[in-house]
C-alpha atoms as a PDB file:
ATOM      1  CA  MET A   1      75.198 174.022 -32.254  1.00  0.00           C
ATOM      2  CA  GLY A   2      74.962 176.675 -29.554  1.00  0.00           C
ATOM      3  CA  ILE A   3      72.418 174.717 -27.535  1.00  0.00           C
ATOM      4  CA  LEU A   4      74.551 171.575 -27.698  1.00  0.00           C
ATOM      5  CA  ASP A   5      77.629 173.486 -26.545  1.00  0.00           C
ATOM      6  CA  ASP A   6      75.670 175.047 -23.684  1.00  0.00           C
ATOM      7  CA  ALA A   7      74.400 171.628 -22.648  1.00  0.00           C
ATOM      8  CA  LYS A   8      77.948 170.233 -22.662  1.00  0.00           C
ATOM      9  CA  GLU A   9      79.198 173.135 -20.524  1.00  0.00           C
ATOM     10  CA  THR A  10      76.320 172.740 -18.102  1.00  0.00           C
ATOM     11  CA  ALA A  11      76.893 168.995 -17.837  1.00  0.00           C
ATOM     12  CA  GLY A  12      80.615 169.577 -17.331  1.00  0.00           C
ATOM     13  CA  ALA A  13      79.980 172.131 -14.583  1.00  0.00           C
ATOM     14  CA  ALA A  14      77.529 169.789 -12.863  1.00  0.00           C
ATOM     15  CA  ALA A  15      80.017 166.932 -13.054  1.00  0.00           C
ATOM     16  CA  GLU A  16      82.728 169.109 -11.497  1.00  0.00           C
ATOM     17  CA  LYS A  17      80.381 170.157  -8.698  1.00  0.00           C
ATOM     18  CA  VAL A  18      79.463 166.533  -7.979  1.00  0.00           C
ATOM     19  CA  SER A  19      83.128 165.563  -8.074  1.00  0.00           C
ATOM     20  CA  ARG A  20      84.037 168.285  -5.558  1.00  0.00           C
ATOM     21  CA  SER A  21      81.139 167.252  -3.350  1.00  0.00           C
ATOM     22  CA  VAL A  22      82.282 163.619  -3.356  1.00  0.00           C
ATOM     23  CA  GLU A  23      85.860 164.659  -2.586  1.00  0.00           C
ATOM     24  CA  ASP A  24      84.648 166.823   0.316  1.00  0.00           C
ATOM     25  CA  THR A  25      82.617 163.931   1.695  1.00  0.00           C
ATOM     26  CA  VAL A  26      85.586 161.574   1.439  1.00  0.00           C
ATOM     27  CA  ASP A  27      87.750 164.138   3.250  1.00  0.00           C
ATOM     28  CA  ARG A  28      85.162 164.543   6.019  1.00  0.00           C
ATOM     29  CA  VAL A  29      84.889 160.785   6.505  1.00  0.00           C
ATOM     30  CA  SER A  30      88.678 160.456   6.554  1.00  0.00           C
ATOM     31  CA  ASP A  31      88.936 163.259   9.119  1.00  0.00           C
ATOM     32  CA  LYS A  32      86.318 161.597  11.319  1.00  0.00           C
ATOM     33  CA  ILE A  33      88.153 158.260  11.126  1.00  0.00           C
ATOM     34  CA  ASP A  34      91.386 159.991  12.162  1.00  0.00           C
ATOM     35  CA  GLU A  35      89.554 161.658  15.048  1.00  0.00           C
ATOM     36  CA  VAL A  36      88.083 158.370  16.278  1.00  0.00           C
ATOM     37  CA  LYS A  37      91.489 156.666  16.054  1.00  0.00           C
ATOM     38  CA  ALA A  38      93.118 159.490  18.002  1.00  0.00           C
ATOM     39  CA  ASP A  39      90.432 159.318  20.694  1.00  0.00           C
ATOM     40  CA  ALA A  40      90.930 155.559  20.971  1.00  0.00           C
ATOM     41  CA  GLU A  41      94.691 156.006  21.334  1.00  0.00           C
ATOM     42  CA  VAL A  42      94.170 158.593  24.081  1.00  0.00           C
ATOM     43  CA  LYS A  43      91.768 156.307  25.946  1.00  0.00           C
ATOM     44  CA  ARG A  44      94.201 153.392  25.631  1.00  0.00           C
ATOM     45  CA  ALA A  45      97.054 155.531  26.917  1.00  0.00           C
ATOM     46  CA  GLU A  46      94.951 156.780  29.842  1.00  0.00           C
ATOM     47  CA  ALA A  47      93.914 153.227  30.719  1.00  0.00           C
ATOM     48  CA  GLU A  48      97.529 152.094  30.562  1.00  0.00           C
ATOM     49  CA  ALA A  49      98.603 154.984  32.798  1.00  0.00           C
ATOM     50  CA  ASP A  50      95.865 154.124  35.313  1.00  0.00           C
ATOM     51  CA  SER A  51      96.950 150.484  35.255  1.00  0.00           C
ATOM     52  CA  VAL A  52     100.576 151.368  35.917  1.00  0.00           C
ATOM     53  CA  LYS A  53      99.570 153.723  38.722  1.00  0.00           C
ATOM     54  CA  LYS A  54      97.421 151.049  40.394  1.00  0.00           C
ATOM     55  CA  ARG A  55     100.137 148.434  39.986  1.00  0.00           C
ATOM     56  CA  ASN A  56     102.681 150.771  41.569  1.00  0.00           C
ATOM     57  CA  GLU A  57     100.309 151.518  44.447  1.00  0.00           C
ATOM     58  CA  VAL A  58      99.841 147.796  45.119  1.00  0.00           C
ATOM     59  CA  LYS A  59     103.596 147.205  45.013  1.00  0.00           C
ATOM     60  CA  GLU A  60     104.123 150.070  47.448  1.00  0.00           C
ATOM     61  CA  GLU A  61     101.518 148.634  49.823  1.00  0.00           C
ATOM     62  CA  LEU A  62     103.203 145.222  49.675  1.00  0.00           C
ATOM     63  CA  ARG A  63     106.575 146.798  50.499  1.00  0.00           C
ATOM     64  CA  ASP A  64     105.112 148.619  53.482  1.00  0.00           C
ATOM     65  CA  ASN A  65     103.590 145.452  54.958  1.00  0.00           C
END
C-alpha cells in the first residue's frame, strides 16, 4: 500500500501545483485587463480635456472678433 499512498500524494501535490498555476494565470490576465481599462480611461479623459480646451479656445476667438 505504500506505493499507492505515495502515488496519491504525488498526484495531489501535482494537482495543487497546477491549481496554483491556473490561479496565477487568471490573476495575471485580470490584472492586464484592469491595466488596459485604466489606460483607456486615461486616454478618454485626455481626449475630453483636449476637446474642452479647443472648444474654449474657439469660443474665445469668436468673442474677440
